[in-house]
Protein backbone atom coordinates (compact mmCIF):
# COMPACT_ATOMS: atom_id res chain seq x y z
CA UNK A 1 0.00 0.00 0.00
CA UNK A 2 1.42 3.35 -1.09
CA UNK A 3 1.75 5.96 1.68
CA UNK A 4 3.51 8.72 -0.26
CA UNK A 5 2.57 10.33 -3.58
CA UNK A 6 5.28 10.92 -6.20
CA UNK A 7 6.93 14.35 -6.03
CA UNK A 8 8.16 15.81 -9.30
CA UNK A 9 9.94 13.15 -11.32
CA UNK A 10 10.75 11.07 -8.22
CA UNK A 11 8.31 8.19 -7.91
CA UNK A 12 9.36 6.69 -4.59
CA UNK A 13 7.42 5.23 -1.70
CA UNK A 14 8.31 4.44 1.91
CA UNK A 15 6.74 1.51 3.71
CA UNK A 16 7.33 0.51 7.33
CA UNK A 17 10.11 -2.03 7.75
CA UNK A 18 9.87 -5.03 10.02
CA UNK A 19 12.31 -7.42 11.65
CA UNK A 20 12.16 -9.45 8.42
CA UNK A 21 13.91 -6.53 6.68
CA UNK A 22 16.88 -6.54 9.06
CA UNK A 23 19.09 -8.86 6.98
CA UNK A 24 18.57 -6.75 3.84
CA UNK A 25 19.25 -3.49 5.72
CA UNK A 26 22.36 -4.89 7.43
CA UNK A 27 23.87 -6.23 4.19
CA UNK A 28 23.09 -3.07 2.19
CA UNK A 29 24.70 -0.96 4.91
CA UNK A 30 27.76 -3.21 5.04
CA UNK A 31 28.22 -3.07 1.26
CA UNK A 32 27.60 0.68 1.01
CA UNK A 33 29.81 1.60 3.94
CA UNK A 34 32.75 -0.81 3.45
CA UNK A 35 34.94 1.71 1.58
CA UNK A 36 34.38 4.37 4.27
CA UNK A 37 35.15 1.92 7.06
CA UNK A 38 38.31 0.79 5.26
CA UNK A 39 39.39 4.37 4.53
CA UNK A 40 39.15 5.34 8.19
CA UNK A 41 40.44 2.03 9.59
CA UNK A 42 37.13 1.15 11.21
CA UNK A 43 35.66 -2.31 11.70
CA UNK A 44 32.08 -3.05 10.67
CA UNK A 45 30.15 -4.55 13.58
CA UNK A 46 26.95 -6.24 12.40
CA UNK A 47 25.98 -7.06 16.01
CA UNK A 48 25.84 -3.34 16.83
CA UNK A 49 23.64 -2.71 13.78
CA UNK A 50 21.31 -5.54 14.80
CA UNK A 51 21.11 -4.29 18.40
CA UNK A 52 20.00 -0.83 17.25
CA UNK A 53 17.39 -2.08 14.75
CA UNK A 54 14.50 -2.42 17.26
CA UNK A 55 15.20 1.08 18.61
CA UNK A 56 14.75 2.75 15.23
CA UNK A 57 11.77 3.67 13.15
CA UNK A 58 12.64 2.06 9.84
CA UNK A 59 11.20 2.14 6.33
CA UNK A 60 11.83 0.24 3.12
CA UNK A 61 12.35 2.52 0.12
CA UNK A 62 10.47 1.42 -2.99
CA UNK A 63 10.60 2.41 -6.62
CA UNK A 64 7.57 0.75 -8.13
CA UNK A 65 7.43 -2.64 -6.44
CA UNK A 66 11.21 -2.94 -6.09
CA UNK A 67 12.90 -2.33 -2.75
CA UNK A 68 15.81 0.01 -3.46
CA UNK A 69 16.93 0.93 0.03
CA UNK A 70 15.95 1.76 3.56
CA UNK A 71 15.69 4.64 6.00
CA UNK A 72 16.13 4.46 9.76
CA UNK A 73 15.74 7.22 12.33
CA UNK A 74 14.98 7.92 15.96
CA UNK A 75 13.17 10.84 17.51
CA UNK A 76 15.08 12.23 20.46
CA UNK A 77 14.00 15.00 22.87
CA UNK A 78 13.70 17.82 20.38
CA UNK A 79 15.23 16.48 17.17
CA UNK A 80 14.89 13.70 14.64
CA UNK A 81 18.16 11.80 14.19
CA UNK A 82 18.67 10.13 10.80
CA UNK A 83 20.54 6.91 11.56
CA UNK A 84 20.70 5.49 8.05
CA UNK A 85 19.74 6.20 4.51
CA UNK A 86 20.99 3.42 2.29
CA UNK A 87 20.20 3.03 -1.39
CA UNK A 88 21.20 0.34 -3.83
CA UNK A 89 23.95 1.90 -5.94
CA UNK A 90 21.99 1.78 -9.21
CA UNK A 91 19.38 4.16 -7.74
CA UNK A 92 21.71 6.87 -6.48
CA UNK A 93 21.82 10.23 -8.24
CA UNK A 94 18.11 10.11 -9.19
CA UNK A 95 16.81 12.48 -6.52
CA UNK A 96 15.72 9.71 -4.16
CA UNK A 97 17.95 10.92 -1.31
CA UNK A 98 16.64 14.48 -1.60
CA UNK A 99 13.06 13.16 -1.66
CA UNK A 100 13.71 11.08 1.47
CA UNK A 101 15.26 14.05 3.29
CA UNK A 102 12.25 16.20 2.39
CA UNK A 103 9.97 13.52 3.80
CA UNK A 104 12.12 13.31 6.94
CA UNK A 105 11.84 17.07 7.40
CA UNK A 106 8.05 16.91 7.19
CA UNK A 107 7.97 14.06 9.72
CA UNK A 108 10.24 16.01 12.07
CA UNK A 109 8.05 19.09 11.83
CA UNK A 110 4.90 17.04 12.35
CA UNK A 111 6.36 15.53 15.51
CA UNK A 112 7.35 18.88 16.97
CA UNK A 113 11.10 18.52 16.44
CA UNK A 114 13.30 21.61 16.32
CA UNK A 115 15.84 20.07 13.93
CA UNK A 116 16.98 17.08 11.93
CA UNK A 117 20.45 15.74 12.74
CA UNK A 118 22.70 13.17 11.13
CA UNK A 119 26.28 11.99 10.96
CA UNK A 120 28.01 11.31 7.67
CA UNK A 121 31.49 10.16 6.72
CA UNK A 122 33.56 13.21 5.76
CA UNK A 123 34.43 11.77 2.35
CA UNK A 124 30.87 10.67 1.52
CA UNK A 125 29.45 12.46 -1.56
CA UNK A 126 26.13 12.75 0.33
CA UNK A 127 27.64 15.70 2.21
CA UNK A 128 27.10 17.75 -0.98
CA UNK A 129 23.40 16.82 -0.98
CA UNK A 130 22.97 17.64 2.70
CA UNK A 131 24.61 21.05 2.29
CA UNK A 132 22.49 21.78 -0.78
CA UNK A 133 19.41 20.96 1.31
CA UNK A 134 20.47 23.45 4.00
CA UNK A 135 22.28 21.23 6.49
CA UNK A 136 25.26 22.78 8.25
CA UNK A 137 28.22 21.16 9.97
CA UNK A 138 27.85 21.48 13.74
CA UNK A 139 30.70 19.21 14.87
CA UNK A 140 32.95 16.40 13.83
CA UNK A 141 34.79 13.27 14.85
CA UNK A 142 37.87 11.79 13.18
CA UNK A 143 35.82 10.23 10.37
CA UNK A 144 32.40 11.88 10.66
CA UNK A 145 30.72 15.23 10.22
CA UNK A 146 27.76 16.06 12.44
CA UNK A 147 25.18 17.94 10.41
CA UNK A 148 21.93 19.63 11.33
CA UNK A 149 19.05 21.46 9.72
CA UNK A 150 16.76 23.57 11.85
CA UNK A 151 13.02 23.11 11.29
CA UNK A 152 11.06 26.30 10.64
CA UNK A 153 8.24 26.74 13.18
């Protein structure tokens, strides 16, 4: 069942994920993040990913009837924290990430959040997208940028 209408040329839908989607989400994250982990000398820990899964609100990302990725976030005291946006490589660069972030912003506003926050590897091309969407760097770690976008009241 479709919960989101297409916006512009981006015909994407989000549907709630379940525990049955965990294996797909874990493997897609591992594959997508392996170069970043290697670059920064980090070790992928699937157990940590699995332990966080029940704490997140997660969605499968669909294009037509094909699952092309997933989104996971938590709502903290006064902000929505994007934990993961992972897309199958073939679907990147089509506006899907921008569409998802727009949806996330609407969810955050609807839930009374003051901002949307995320962390992203410093060398991840998604930083360009986040900046274009109005996210600013508010801190950093050795490998990660902390980014935030304030939600207009």
